[in-house]
Amino acid sequence: MSVARIVIATILITGFGFVFHTLYGETWITSIIDDAAGKGLMANVIRDPYPAWFVMTAALTALIPAAFKVILYYFLGASIPFRNKLLKGATYGVILLAVGDNLIRMPIMQLLSGNPGFIVLLQSAEAWVIYIGSGIAIALIIPVRSHTSANREIP
């Protein structure tokens, strides 16, 4: 794959995401939410401390993205250049952080919004520990699909 294609794809998806976020998330949907709040429709939104059923639902639905991270590792893990499972898993965790904006982008935005550096570090540390720890756990438990088994089903 050429560098030009990578740059073009990166710029296009970033531009689309930013424009959509700005038009939808920062203007149109915000006015709808503000209107709903003004009519009292947001009065029953659940707030911390959360009831047990809500926490249980959060825990159970967290299995969905976790399962996709495991499946993704099965298919892509062989492409991570380390043989050592700890390094392979930590690298996978860093990849997940980067893809999800938590590695560099969010800490930069938090700093630029005025949060003190130590607060940004504390906030970021939660995602870093979770994702890198998850990556290591996945690498220790899940075998990777070999490149020669590309047409085989998941065992």
N, C-alpha and C. Protein backbone atom coordinates (compact mmCIF):
# COMPACT_ATOMS: atom_id res chain seq x y z
N MET A 1 0.85 -1.17 0.00
CA MET A 1 0.00 0.00 0.00
C MET A 1 0.90 1.24 0.00
N SER A 2 0.52 2.21 -0.80
CA SER A 2 1.35 3.41 -0.91
C SER A 2 1.08 4.38 0.23
N VAL A 3 2.09 5.17 0.51
CA VAL A 3 1.97 6.19 1.56
C VAL A 3 0.88 7.20 1.18
N ALA A 4 0.80 7.52 -0.11
CA ALA A 4 -0.21 8.49 -0.57
C ALA A 4 -1.62 8.00 -0.25
N ARG A 5 -1.89 6.71 -0.47
CA ARG A 5 -3.22 6.17 -0.16
C ARG A 5 -3.50 6.25 1.34
N ILE A 6 -2.50 5.96 2.14
CA ILE A 6 -2.68 6.04 3.60
C ILE A 6 -3.00 7.47 4.00
N VAL A 7 -2.27 8.44 3.47
CA VAL A 7 -2.49 9.85 3.79
C VAL A 7 -3.87 10.30 3.33
N ILE A 8 -4.25 9.95 2.10
CA ILE A 8 -5.55 10.35 1.57
C ILE A 8 -6.68 9.75 2.40
N ALA A 9 -6.60 8.45 2.69
CA ALA A 9 -7.64 7.81 3.49
C ALA A 9 -7.72 8.42 4.88
N THR A 10 -6.58 8.71 5.48
CA THR A 10 -6.54 9.31 6.81
C THR A 10 -7.21 10.68 6.81
N ILE A 11 -6.88 11.50 5.82
CA ILE A 11 -7.47 12.84 5.73
C ILE A 11 -8.97 12.77 5.47
N LEU A 12 -9.39 11.88 4.57
CA LEU A 12 -10.81 11.76 4.26
C LEU A 12 -11.64 11.32 5.46
N ILE A 13 -11.20 10.28 6.15
CA ILE A 13 -12.01 9.82 7.29
C ILE A 13 -11.97 10.79 8.45
N THR A 14 -10.84 11.48 8.63
CA THR A 14 -10.76 12.49 9.67
C THR A 14 -11.68 13.66 9.35
N GLY A 15 -11.64 14.10 8.10
CA GLY A 15 -12.49 15.21 7.69
C GLY A 15 -13.96 14.87 7.83
N PHE A 16 -14.35 13.68 7.36
CA PHE A 16 -15.75 13.27 7.49
C PHE A 16 -16.17 13.23 8.94
N GLY A 17 -15.36 12.59 9.77
CA GLY A 17 -15.69 12.47 11.19
C GLY A 17 -15.79 13.82 11.87
N PHE A 18 -14.87 14.73 11.56
CA PHE A 18 -14.88 16.05 12.20
C PHE A 18 -16.09 16.86 11.75
N VAL A 19 -16.38 16.85 10.45
CA VAL A 19 -17.53 17.60 9.94
C VAL A 19 -18.82 17.04 10.53
N PHE A 20 -18.97 15.72 10.53
CA PHE A 20 -20.19 15.12 11.07
C PHE A 20 -20.32 15.43 12.56
N HIS A 21 -19.22 15.30 13.30
CA HIS A 21 -19.23 15.60 14.74
C HIS A 21 -19.63 17.05 14.98
N THR A 22 -19.10 17.96 14.17
CA THR A 22 -19.37 19.38 14.35
C THR A 22 -20.82 19.71 14.00
N LEU A 23 -21.31 19.21 12.87
CA LEU A 23 -22.67 19.53 12.45
C LEU A 23 -23.72 18.81 13.28
N TYR A 24 -23.51 17.53 13.51
CA TYR A 24 -24.50 16.71 14.22
C TYR A 24 -24.34 16.85 15.72
N GLY A 25 -23.15 16.53 16.20
CA GLY A 25 -22.93 16.44 17.64
C GLY A 25 -22.86 17.77 18.36
N GLU A 26 -22.41 18.80 17.66
CA GLU A 26 -22.22 20.09 18.34
C GLU A 26 -23.30 21.11 18.01
N THR A 27 -24.15 20.84 17.03
CA THR A 27 -25.18 21.82 16.69
C THR A 27 -26.57 21.19 16.74
N TRP A 28 -26.89 20.39 15.75
CA TRP A 28 -28.26 19.89 15.60
C TRP A 28 -28.72 19.08 16.81
N ILE A 29 -27.97 18.05 17.19
CA ILE A 29 -28.39 17.18 18.29
C ILE A 29 -28.38 17.91 19.63
N THR A 30 -27.47 18.86 19.79
CA THR A 30 -27.39 19.63 21.03
C THR A 30 -28.67 20.45 21.22
N SER A 31 -29.17 21.05 20.15
CA SER A 31 -30.39 21.84 20.28
C SER A 31 -31.59 20.95 20.60
N ILE A 32 -31.62 19.74 20.06
CA ILE A 32 -32.71 18.80 20.36
C ILE A 32 -32.64 18.37 21.83
N ILE A 33 -31.44 18.08 22.31
CA ILE A 33 -31.27 17.68 23.71
C ILE A 33 -31.64 18.83 24.64
N ASP A 34 -31.18 20.04 24.32
CA ASP A 34 -31.52 21.20 25.15
C ASP A 34 -33.03 21.43 25.19
N ASP A 35 -33.70 21.25 24.05
CA ASP A 35 -35.14 21.40 23.98
C ASP A 35 -35.83 20.35 24.85
N ALA A 36 -35.37 19.10 24.74
CA ALA A 36 -35.93 18.01 25.56
C ALA A 36 -35.73 18.29 27.04
N ALA A 37 -34.56 18.79 27.40
CA ALA A 37 -34.29 19.11 28.81
C ALA A 37 -35.21 20.24 29.28
N GLY A 38 -35.41 21.23 28.43
CA GLY A 38 -36.31 22.33 28.78
C GLY A 38 -37.74 21.88 29.01
N LYS A 39 -38.15 20.80 28.34
CA LYS A 39 -39.50 20.25 28.50
C LYS A 39 -39.58 19.23 29.63
N GLY A 40 -38.46 19.01 30.35
CA GLY A 40 -38.45 18.08 31.47
C GLY A 40 -38.28 16.62 31.07
N LEU A 41 -37.99 16.37 29.80
CA LEU A 41 -37.86 14.98 29.34
C LEU A 41 -36.57 14.31 29.82
N MET A 42 -35.64 15.09 30.33
CA MET A 42 -34.37 14.54 30.81
C MET A 42 -34.34 14.42 32.33
N ALA A 43 -35.45 14.68 32.97
CA ALA A 43 -35.50 14.70 34.44
C ALA A 43 -35.26 13.33 35.06
N ASN A 44 -35.57 12.25 34.33
CA ASN A 44 -35.44 10.91 34.89
C ASN A 44 -34.16 10.19 34.45
N VAL A 45 -33.20 10.92 33.94
CA VAL A 45 -31.93 10.31 33.54
C VAL A 45 -31.23 9.79 34.80
N ILE A 46 -30.78 8.57 34.74
CA ILE A 46 -30.15 7.93 35.90
C ILE A 46 -28.79 8.57 36.15
N ARG A 47 -28.53 8.89 37.38
CA ARG A 47 -27.27 9.53 37.78
C ARG A 47 -26.60 8.69 38.87
N ASP A 48 -25.32 8.93 39.06
CA ASP A 48 -24.53 8.27 40.08
C ASP A 48 -25.06 8.67 41.46
N PRO A 49 -25.25 7.81 42.41
CA PRO A 49 -24.92 6.38 42.43
C PRO A 49 -25.94 5.57 41.61
N TYR A 50 -25.42 4.70 40.77
CA TYR A 50 -26.26 3.94 39.86
C TYR A 50 -26.89 2.75 40.57
N PRO A 51 -28.15 2.41 40.22
CA PRO A 51 -28.77 1.23 40.81
C PRO A 51 -28.10 -0.05 40.31
N ALA A 52 -28.25 -1.12 41.06
CA ALA A 52 -27.58 -2.38 40.75
C ALA A 52 -27.95 -2.90 39.36
N TRP A 53 -29.22 -2.80 38.96
CA TRP A 53 -29.62 -3.31 37.64
C TRP A 53 -28.91 -2.57 36.51
N PHE A 54 -28.64 -1.28 36.73
CA PHE A 54 -27.96 -0.47 35.72
C PHE A 54 -26.49 -0.88 35.61
N VAL A 55 -25.85 -1.08 36.76
CA VAL A 55 -24.45 -1.52 36.78
C VAL A 55 -24.32 -2.90 36.15
N MET A 56 -25.28 -3.79 36.45
CA MET A 56 -25.25 -5.14 35.87
C MET A 56 -25.41 -5.09 34.35
N THR A 57 -26.28 -4.23 33.87
CA THR A 57 -26.46 -4.07 32.43
C THR A 57 -25.18 -3.54 31.78
N ALA A 58 -24.53 -2.60 32.43
CA ALA A 58 -23.26 -2.07 31.92
C ALA A 58 -22.21 -3.18 31.85
N ALA A 59 -22.14 -4.00 32.89
CA ALA A 59 -21.16 -5.09 32.91
C ALA A 59 -21.45 -6.12 31.83
N LEU A 60 -22.70 -6.47 31.66
CA LEU A 60 -23.05 -7.49 30.65
C LEU A 60 -22.83 -6.98 29.23
N THR A 61 -23.20 -5.73 28.96
CA THR A 61 -23.01 -5.21 27.61
C THR A 61 -21.54 -4.91 27.32
N ALA A 62 -20.70 -4.81 28.35
CA ALA A 62 -19.26 -4.65 28.14
C ALA A 62 -18.65 -5.89 27.51
N LEU A 63 -19.36 -7.02 27.62
CA LEU A 63 -18.88 -8.25 26.99
C LEU A 63 -18.84 -8.14 25.46
N ILE A 64 -19.69 -7.30 24.89
CA ILE A 64 -19.77 -7.18 23.44
C ILE A 64 -18.48 -6.61 22.85
N PRO A 65 -18.03 -5.41 23.26
CA PRO A 65 -16.78 -4.92 22.69
C PRO A 65 -15.58 -5.80 23.08
N ALA A 66 -15.63 -6.38 24.27
CA ALA A 66 -14.53 -7.26 24.68
C ALA A 66 -14.43 -8.46 23.75
N ALA A 67 -15.57 -9.05 23.39
CA ALA A 67 -15.56 -10.19 22.47
C ALA A 67 -14.99 -9.79 21.12
N PHE A 68 -15.33 -8.61 20.63
CA PHE A 68 -14.79 -8.17 19.35
C PHE A 68 -13.29 -7.92 19.43
N LYS A 69 -12.79 -7.45 20.56
CA LYS A 69 -11.34 -7.28 20.73
C LYS A 69 -10.63 -8.64 20.69
N VAL A 70 -11.24 -9.64 21.31
CA VAL A 70 -10.67 -10.99 21.30
C VAL A 70 -10.67 -11.55 19.87
N ILE A 71 -11.79 -11.42 19.17
CA ILE A 71 -11.87 -11.92 17.80
C ILE A 71 -10.89 -11.19 16.89
N LEU A 72 -10.79 -9.89 17.04
CA LEU A 72 -9.85 -9.11 16.23
C LEU A 72 -8.42 -9.57 16.48
N TYR A 73 -8.08 -9.84 17.75
CA TYR A 73 -6.74 -10.33 18.05
C TYR A 73 -6.49 -11.67 17.38
N TYR A 74 -7.47 -12.55 17.40
CA TYR A 74 -7.31 -13.85 16.75
C TYR A 74 -6.92 -13.67 15.29
N PHE A 75 -7.55 -12.75 14.61
CA PHE A 75 -7.28 -12.56 13.19
C PHE A 75 -6.02 -11.74 12.92
N LEU A 76 -5.69 -10.78 13.78
CA LEU A 76 -4.58 -9.87 13.50
C LEU A 76 -3.33 -10.12 14.34
N GLY A 77 -3.46 -10.91 15.39
CA GLY A 77 -2.35 -11.10 16.32
C GLY A 77 -1.07 -11.60 15.68
N ALA A 78 -1.18 -12.43 14.64
CA ALA A 78 0.01 -12.95 13.97
C ALA A 78 0.81 -11.84 13.30
N SER A 79 0.17 -10.71 13.02
CA SER A 79 0.86 -9.59 12.37
C SER A 79 1.62 -8.71 13.35
N ILE A 80 1.40 -8.90 14.64
CA ILE A 80 2.15 -8.13 15.64
C ILE A 80 3.53 -8.77 15.75
N PRO A 81 4.60 -7.99 15.59
CA PRO A 81 5.93 -8.57 15.34
C PRO A 81 6.64 -9.25 16.50
N PHE A 82 6.05 -9.38 17.66
CA PHE A 82 6.75 -9.99 18.78
C PHE A 82 6.35 -11.45 18.97
N ARG A 83 7.29 -12.26 19.41
CA ARG A 83 6.98 -13.65 19.77
C ARG A 83 6.54 -13.74 21.23
N ASN A 84 7.12 -12.91 22.07
CA ASN A 84 6.79 -12.88 23.47
C ASN A 84 5.34 -12.43 23.65
N LYS A 85 4.52 -13.24 24.32
CA LYS A 85 3.10 -12.94 24.45
C LYS A 85 2.83 -11.67 25.25
N LEU A 86 3.67 -11.38 26.24
CA LEU A 86 3.48 -10.14 27.00
C LEU A 86 3.69 -8.92 26.11
N LEU A 87 4.76 -8.93 25.33
CA LEU A 87 5.03 -7.81 24.42
C LEU A 87 3.98 -7.73 23.32
N LYS A 88 3.58 -8.88 22.80
CA LYS A 88 2.55 -8.93 21.76
C LYS A 88 1.23 -8.35 22.31
N GLY A 89 0.87 -8.75 23.52
CA GLY A 89 -0.36 -8.26 24.14
C GLY A 89 -0.30 -6.79 24.48
N ALA A 90 0.83 -6.34 25.02
CA ALA A 90 0.98 -4.91 25.34
C ALA A 90 0.90 -4.07 24.06
N THR A 91 1.51 -4.57 22.99
CA THR A 91 1.44 -3.87 21.71
C THR A 91 0.01 -3.82 21.21
N TYR A 92 -0.71 -4.92 21.33
CA TYR A 92 -2.11 -4.95 20.92
C TYR A 92 -2.92 -3.94 21.75
N GLY A 93 -2.65 -3.86 23.04
CA GLY A 93 -3.32 -2.89 23.89
C GLY A 93 -3.05 -1.46 23.46
N VAL A 94 -1.81 -1.17 23.09
CA VAL A 94 -1.46 0.17 22.61
C VAL A 94 -2.17 0.46 21.28
N ILE A 95 -2.27 -0.55 20.42
CA ILE A 95 -3.01 -0.37 19.16
C ILE A 95 -4.47 -0.03 19.46
N LEU A 96 -5.09 -0.74 20.39
CA LEU A 96 -6.48 -0.46 20.75
C LEU A 96 -6.62 0.95 21.32
N LEU A 97 -5.66 1.37 22.14
CA LEU A 97 -5.68 2.73 22.68
C LEU A 97 -5.62 3.76 21.56
N ALA A 98 -4.72 3.53 20.60
CA ALA A 98 -4.53 4.48 19.51
C ALA A 98 -5.77 4.56 18.62
N VAL A 99 -6.36 3.41 18.32
CA VAL A 99 -7.54 3.38 17.46
C VAL A 99 -8.72 4.06 18.15
N GLY A 100 -8.79 3.96 19.46
CA GLY A 100 -9.90 4.55 20.21
C GLY A 100 -9.66 5.95 20.70
N ASP A 101 -8.66 6.65 20.22
CA ASP A 101 -8.36 8.04 20.60
C ASP A 101 -7.74 8.20 21.98
N ASN A 102 -7.57 7.12 22.73
CA ASN A 102 -7.14 7.25 24.12
C ASN A 102 -5.63 7.33 24.32
N LEU A 103 -4.85 7.03 23.30
CA LEU A 103 -3.40 7.03 23.47
C LEU A 103 -2.82 8.44 23.43
N ILE A 104 -3.16 9.20 22.41
CA ILE A 104 -2.55 10.52 22.23
C ILE A 104 -3.60 11.63 22.13
N ARG A 105 -4.61 11.42 21.29
CA ARG A 105 -5.55 12.50 20.99
C ARG A 105 -6.28 13.03 22.22
N MET A 106 -6.91 12.17 22.99
CA MET A 106 -7.68 12.64 24.15
C MET A 106 -6.80 13.31 25.21
N PRO A 107 -5.63 12.76 25.54
CA PRO A 107 -4.78 13.50 26.47
C PRO A 107 -4.40 14.89 25.96
N ILE A 108 -4.11 15.01 24.66
CA ILE A 108 -3.79 16.33 24.10
C ILE A 108 -4.99 17.27 24.23
N MET A 109 -6.16 16.79 23.88
CA MET A 109 -7.36 17.63 23.95
C MET A 109 -7.67 18.02 25.39
N GLN A 110 -7.45 17.10 26.33
CA GLN A 110 -7.68 17.42 27.74
C GLN A 110 -6.70 18.50 28.22
N LEU A 111 -5.44 18.39 27.79
CA LEU A 111 -4.46 19.42 28.14
C LEU A 111 -4.84 20.77 27.54
N LEU A 112 -5.22 20.76 26.26
CA LEU A 112 -5.58 22.00 25.58
C LEU A 112 -6.83 22.64 26.15
N SER A 113 -7.72 21.82 26.75
CA SER A 113 -8.94 22.38 27.34
C SER A 113 -8.69 22.96 28.73
N GLY A 114 -7.45 22.84 29.22
CA GLY A 114 -7.11 23.49 30.48
C GLY A 114 -6.93 22.56 31.66
N ASN A 115 -7.11 21.26 31.47
CA ASN A 115 -6.89 20.34 32.59
C ASN A 115 -5.41 20.32 32.95
N PRO A 116 -5.09 20.33 34.25
CA PRO A 116 -3.68 20.23 34.66
C PRO A 116 -3.07 18.90 34.21
N GLY A 117 -1.79 18.90 33.95
CA GLY A 117 -1.11 17.72 33.45
C GLY A 117 -1.29 16.49 34.32
N PHE A 118 -1.24 16.66 35.65
CA PHE A 118 -1.36 15.49 36.52
C PHE A 118 -2.78 14.92 36.47
N ILE A 119 -3.78 15.76 36.23
CA ILE A 119 -5.15 15.28 36.10
C ILE A 119 -5.30 14.50 34.79
N VAL A 120 -4.72 15.03 33.72
CA VAL A 120 -4.75 14.33 32.43
C VAL A 120 -4.07 12.98 32.56
N LEU A 121 -2.95 12.93 33.27
CA LEU A 121 -2.24 11.68 33.47
C LEU A 121 -3.10 10.68 34.25
N LEU A 122 -3.75 11.15 35.30
CA LEU A 122 -4.62 10.29 36.10
C LEU A 122 -5.81 9.78 35.28
N GLN A 123 -6.42 10.67 34.51
CA GLN A 123 -7.57 10.27 33.69
C GLN A 123 -7.14 9.29 32.60
N SER A 124 -6.00 9.55 31.97
CA SER A 124 -5.52 8.70 30.89
C SER A 124 -5.06 7.34 31.40
N ALA A 125 -4.52 7.32 32.60
CA ALA A 125 -3.99 6.08 33.16
C ALA A 125 -5.06 4.99 33.25
N GLU A 126 -6.29 5.37 33.49
CA GLU A 126 -7.37 4.38 33.56
C GLU A 126 -7.49 3.61 32.25
N ALA A 127 -7.58 4.34 31.13
CA ALA A 127 -7.70 3.68 29.82
C ALA A 127 -6.42 2.91 29.49
N TRP A 128 -5.27 3.49 29.80
CA TRP A 128 -4.01 2.82 29.47
C TRP A 128 -3.90 1.48 30.20
N VAL A 129 -4.21 1.46 31.48
CA VAL A 129 -4.13 0.22 32.25
C VAL A 129 -5.14 -0.81 31.74
N ILE A 130 -6.37 -0.36 31.49
CA ILE A 130 -7.41 -1.28 31.02
C ILE A 130 -7.05 -1.87 29.67
N TYR A 131 -6.67 -1.04 28.71
CA TYR A 131 -6.42 -1.53 27.35
C TYR A 131 -5.14 -2.36 27.27
N ILE A 132 -4.08 -1.90 27.90
CA ILE A 132 -2.83 -2.68 27.84
C ILE A 132 -2.99 -3.97 28.63
N GLY A 133 -3.63 -3.90 29.79
CA GLY A 133 -3.89 -5.13 30.55
C GLY A 133 -4.78 -6.10 29.80
N SER A 134 -5.80 -5.57 29.13
CA SER A 134 -6.68 -6.42 28.31
C SER A 134 -5.92 -7.05 27.16
N GLY A 135 -5.07 -6.27 26.51
CA GLY A 135 -4.27 -6.80 25.41
C GLY A 135 -3.37 -7.93 25.85
N ILE A 136 -2.74 -7.76 27.01
CA ILE A 136 -1.87 -8.81 27.54
C ILE A 136 -2.69 -10.06 27.88
N ALA A 137 -3.83 -9.87 28.54
CA ALA A 137 -4.68 -11.02 28.89
C ALA A 137 -5.14 -11.76 27.64
N ILE A 138 -5.54 -11.01 26.63
CA ILE A 138 -5.98 -11.63 25.38
C ILE A 138 -4.84 -12.43 24.75
N ALA A 139 -3.66 -11.84 24.70
CA ALA A 139 -2.51 -12.52 24.07
C ALA A 139 -2.11 -13.78 24.84
N LEU A 140 -2.28 -13.77 26.14
CA LEU A 140 -1.93 -14.94 26.94
C LEU A 140 -2.95 -16.07 26.78
N ILE A 141 -4.18 -15.73 26.45
CA ILE A 141 -5.25 -16.73 26.40
C ILE A 141 -5.57 -17.19 24.98
N ILE A 142 -5.57 -16.27 24.04
CA ILE A 142 -6.08 -16.55 22.69
C ILE A 142 -4.95 -16.88 21.73
N PRO A 143 -5.03 -18.00 21.04
CA PRO A 143 -4.04 -18.28 20.00
C PRO A 143 -4.32 -17.37 18.79
N VAL A 144 -3.29 -17.10 18.02
CA VAL A 144 -3.49 -16.29 16.82
C VAL A 144 -3.68 -17.20 15.62
N ARG A 145 -4.43 -16.73 14.68
CA ARG A 145 -4.65 -17.48 13.46
C ARG A 145 -3.39 -17.38 12.61
N SER A 146 -2.91 -18.50 12.15
CA SER A 146 -1.72 -18.47 11.30
C SER A 146 -2.12 -17.97 9.92
N HIS A 147 -1.16 -17.39 9.23
CA HIS A 147 -1.44 -16.87 7.89
C HIS A 147 -1.82 -17.98 6.92
N THR A 148 -1.41 -19.21 7.21
CA THR A 148 -1.75 -20.33 6.32
C THR A 148 -3.15 -20.83 6.54
N SER A 149 -3.80 -20.44 7.64
CA SER A 149 -5.15 -20.91 7.93
C SER A 149 -6.19 -19.85 7.61
N ALA A 150 -5.92 -19.01 6.64
CA ALA A 150 -6.79 -17.89 6.33
C ALA A 150 -8.20 -18.32 5.92
N ASN A 151 -8.36 -19.50 5.38
CA ASN A 151 -9.68 -19.92 4.93
C ASN A 151 -10.36 -20.90 5.89
N ARG A 152 -9.73 -21.13 7.05
CA ARG A 152 -10.33 -22.04 8.02
C ARG A 152 -11.29 -21.30 8.93
N GLU A 153 -12.23 -22.02 9.51
CA GLU A 153 -13.16 -21.43 10.46
C GLU A 153 -12.48 -21.30 11.82
N ILE A 154 -13.07 -20.46 12.66
CA ILE A 154 -12.58 -20.32 14.04
C ILE A 154 -12.84 -21.62 14.76
N PRO A 155 -11.82 -22.18 15.44
CA PRO A 155 -12.01 -23.46 16.13
C PRO A 155 -12.97 -23.33 17.31
